[in-house]
C-alpha atoms as a PDB file:
ATOM      1  CA  MET A   1     -13.174  44.465 -22.622  1.00  0.00           C
ATOM      2  CA  TYR A   2     -16.000  42.176 -22.683  1.00  0.00           C
ATOM      3  CA  TRP A   3     -13.663  39.294 -24.260  1.00  0.00           C
ATOM      4  CA  LYS A   4     -11.035  39.953 -21.759  1.00  0.00           C
ATOM      5  CA  SER A   5     -13.623  39.103 -18.821  1.00  0.00           C
ATOM      6  CA  ILE A   6     -14.985  35.905 -20.889  1.00  0.00           C
ATOM      7  CA  ILE A   7     -11.216  34.877 -21.393  1.00  0.00           C
ATOM      8  CA  LEU A   8     -10.558  35.380 -17.195  1.00  0.00           C
ATOM      9  CA  VAL A   9     -13.733  33.322 -16.434  1.00  0.00           C
ATOM     10  CA  ILE A  10     -12.412  30.498 -18.559  1.00  0.00           C
ATOM     11  CA  ILE A  11      -9.142  30.434 -17.132  1.00  0.00           C
ATOM     12  CA  LEU A  12     -10.164  30.843 -13.784  1.00  0.00           C
ATOM     13  CA  ILE A  13     -12.625  27.516 -14.448  1.00  0.00           C
ATOM     14  CA  PHE A  14      -9.964  25.789 -15.647  1.00  0.00           C
ATOM     15  CA  ILE A  15      -7.688  26.290 -12.478  1.00  0.00           C
ATOM     16  CA  VAL A  16     -10.425  25.681 -10.062  1.00  0.00           C
ATOM     17  CA  SER A  17     -11.448  22.160 -12.003  1.00  0.00           C
ATOM     18  CA  VAL A  18      -7.833  21.435 -12.072  1.00  0.00           C
ATOM     19  CA  SER A  19      -7.078  21.655  -8.696  1.00  0.00           C
ATOM     20  CA  ILE A  20     -10.343  20.032  -7.845  1.00  0.00           C
ATOM     21  CA  SER A  21      -9.539  16.870  -9.755  1.00  0.00           C
ATOM     22  CA  ALA A  22      -6.045  16.722  -8.284  1.00  0.00           C
ATOM     23  CA  ALA A  23      -7.874  16.506  -4.772  1.00  0.00           C
ATOM     24  CA  ASP A  24      -9.575  13.116  -5.844  1.00  0.00           C
ATOM     25  CA  HIS A  25      -7.932  10.117  -4.522  1.00  0.00           C
ATOM     26  CA  ASN A  26      -8.595   6.282  -4.980  1.00  0.00           C
ATOM     27  CA  VAL A  27      -9.226   4.159  -1.910  1.00  0.00           C
ATOM     28  CA  VAL A  28      -9.568  -0.050  -1.970  1.00  0.00           C
ATOM     29  CA  ILE A  29     -11.407  -1.591   0.642  1.00  0.00           C
ATOM     30  CA  GLU A  30     -11.555  -5.263   1.295  1.00  0.00           C
ATOM     31  CA  ILE A  31     -15.124  -6.087   2.212  1.00  0.00           C
ATOM     32  CA  GLU A  32     -16.226  -9.048   4.638  1.00  0.00           C
ATOM     33  CA  GLY A  33     -20.006 -10.585   4.532  1.00  0.00           C
ATOM     34  CA  MET A  34     -20.636  -9.943   0.735  1.00  0.00           C
ATOM     35  CA  THR A  35     -22.583 -13.520  -0.408  1.00  0.00           C
ATOM     36  CA  CYS A  36     -24.909 -12.876  -3.080  1.00  0.00           C
ATOM     37  CA  PRO A  37     -25.140 -10.322  -6.301  1.00  0.00           C
ATOM     38  CA  LEU A  38     -27.367  -7.860  -4.515  1.00  0.00           C
ATOM     39  CA  CYS A  39     -24.736  -7.431  -1.473  1.00  0.00           C
ATOM     40  CA  PRO A  40     -22.476  -4.997  -3.975  1.00  0.00           C
ATOM     41  CA  VAL A  41     -25.298  -3.107  -5.115  1.00  0.00           C
ATOM     42  CA  ALA A  42     -26.395  -2.222  -1.668  1.00  0.00           C
ATOM     43  CA  ILE A  43     -22.979  -1.322  -0.686  1.00  0.00           C
ATOM     44  CA  LYS A  44     -22.636   0.564  -3.761  1.00  0.00           C
ATOM     45  CA  LYS A  45     -25.860   2.683  -3.101  1.00  0.00           C
ATOM     46  CA  SER A  46     -24.790   3.102   0.687  1.00  0.00           C
ATOM     47  CA  LEU A  47     -21.302   4.421  -0.468  1.00  0.00           C
ATOM     48  CA  LEU A  48     -22.606   6.830  -2.942  1.00  0.00           C
ATOM     49  CA  THR A  49     -24.576   8.705  -0.066  1.00  0.00           C
ATOM     50  CA  VAL A  50     -21.207   9.751   1.228  1.00  0.00           C
ATOM     51  CA  GLU A  51     -20.605  13.527   0.241  1.00  0.00           C
ATOM     52  CA  GLY A  52     -17.470  13.262  -1.979  1.00  0.00           C
ATOM     53  CA  VAL A  53     -17.783   9.846  -2.852  1.00  0.00           C
ATOM     54  CA  LYS A  54     -17.508  10.068  -6.997  1.00  0.00           C
ATOM     55  CA  ASP A  55     -17.114   6.816  -8.020  1.00  0.00           C
ATOM     56  CA  VAL A  56     -17.447   3.046  -6.558  1.00  0.00           C
ATOM     57  CA  ASN A  57     -17.107  -0.345  -8.460  1.00  0.00           C
ATOM     58  CA  ILE A  58     -17.426  -3.283  -6.316  1.00  0.00           C
ATOM     59  CA  SER A  59     -16.215  -6.701  -6.999  1.00  0.00           C
ATOM     60  CA  LEU A  60     -18.320  -9.838  -5.336  1.00  0.00           C
ATOM     61  CA  GLU A  61     -15.500 -12.101  -6.537  1.00  0.00           C
ATOM     62  CA  ASP A  62     -12.806 -10.165  -5.006  1.00  0.00           C
ATOM     63  CA  LYS A  63     -14.835  -8.986  -2.231  1.00  0.00           C
ATOM     64  CA  LYS A  64     -13.321  -5.806  -2.753  1.00  0.00           C
ATOM     65  CA  ALA A  65     -14.506  -1.911  -3.580  1.00  0.00           C
ATOM     66  CA  TRP A  66     -12.553   0.736  -5.531  1.00  0.00           C
ATOM     67  CA  LEU A  67     -13.706   4.103  -4.874  1.00  0.00           C
ATOM     68  CA  ARG A  68     -12.576   7.536  -6.323  1.00  0.00           C
ATOM     69  CA  VAL A  69     -13.662  10.185  -3.540  1.00  0.00           C
ATOM     70  CA  ASP A  70     -12.678  13.778  -2.591  1.00  0.00           C
ATOM     71  CA  GLU A  71      -9.616  14.140  -0.224  1.00  0.00           C
ATOM     72  CA  ARG A  72     -12.055  15.320   2.692  1.00  0.00           C
ATOM     73  CA  VAL A  73     -13.735  12.063   2.872  1.00  0.00           C
ATOM     74  CA  SER A  74     -12.770  10.166   5.913  1.00  0.00           C
ATOM     75  CA  ASP A  75     -11.913   6.410   6.456  1.00  0.00           C
ATOM     76  CA  ALA A  76     -14.537   6.175   8.964  1.00  0.00           C
ATOM     77  CA  LEU A  77     -17.492   7.608   6.998  1.00  0.00           C
ATOM     78  CA  LEU A  78     -16.705   5.001   4.246  1.00  0.00           C
ATOM     79  CA  LEU A  79     -16.621   2.291   6.750  1.00  0.00           C
ATOM     80  CA  LYS A  80     -19.999   3.356   8.418  1.00  0.00           C
ATOM     81  CA  ALA A  81     -21.534   3.758   4.961  1.00  0.00           C
ATOM     82  CA  ILE A  82     -20.177   0.061   4.310  1.00  0.00           C
ATOM     83  CA  GLU A  83     -21.767  -1.414   7.672  1.00  0.00           C
ATOM     84  CA  ARG A  84     -25.176   0.958   7.102  1.00  0.00           C
ATOM     85  CA  ALA A  85     -25.722  -1.139   3.930  1.00  0.00           C
ATOM     86  CA  GLY A  86     -25.668  -4.637   6.008  1.00  0.00           C
ATOM     87  CA  PRO A  87     -23.747  -7.258   7.893  1.00  0.00           C
ATOM     88  CA  TYR A  88     -20.863  -6.133   6.216  1.00  0.00           C
ATOM     89  CA  LYS A  89     -17.692  -5.270   7.405  1.00  0.00           C
ATOM     90  CA  GLY A  90     -14.790  -2.879   5.563  1.00  0.00           C
ATOM     91  CA  ARG A  91     -10.792  -2.510   5.820  1.00  0.00           C
ATOM     92  CA  ILE A  92      -9.171  -0.046   3.907  1.00  0.00           C
ATOM     93  CA  ARG A  93      -6.209  -1.711   2.274  1.00  0.00           C
ATOM     94  CA  ARG A  94      -4.610   0.783   0.325  1.00  0.00           C
ATOM     95  CA  GLU A  95      -4.863   4.521  -0.515  1.00  0.00           C
ATOM     96  CA  TYR A  96      -2.734   6.176  -3.344  1.00  0.00           C
ATOM     97  CA  ARG A  97      -2.634   9.687  -4.913  1.00  0.00           C
END
């Protein structure tokens, strides 16, 4: 009887983890105003404070950020976090599942 409970819990954890990862999506943001190597660091730090942001990669050369976020994260929250980091302006260019 005990092992049936353990198996049920494992199955439920698997189902929940699959549904959570399916809710993630990727966002690409063009960022204006980055001029030095510290700019991406400040923006990344600010973006990671937004609840639901799971991964951030920023390229100073490309002037872009690639994010993996929970589907509940709004574009407005992401853009506000970029502006909070300094004199930067973000524009969401592409969003895909």
